Amino acid sequence: MGVGRWAFAAPQAPIHTAKGDVKFVDESTLVIRQTSPYPGRNMTFTIGPSTEREGSLKVGSTVTVRYQDTADRRIATVVEVAHVKVPPHTSPSHS
């Protein structure tokens, strides 16, 4: 009986999600102050060329981070910047 080609595939690490405000970001590191699931806690993530980035990532941005835990770090797989809702522009009344 043959063994299927997927029989020896390594299990995929679970994906976790955190939301918060960017405190620091550079080409390899992202630090957020969480708003969910643990408000007020800082989390550090490793980011790199394979990290999907949706929006302009900068200090002060509110983000959702999807990541995988490894033995020694959190690896961000997707970082989504929340879009700030801007109220529609209203022109001043010329009464």
Foldseek 3Di string as FASTA:
>chain_A
DDDDPCPPPDDDFDKDKFKFFWADDDAFKTWGQTPPDDHRDIFMETEHPQAAEADDDDGGFIWMFIWGDDPPHTYTNYIYTDDDDDPDDDDDDPD
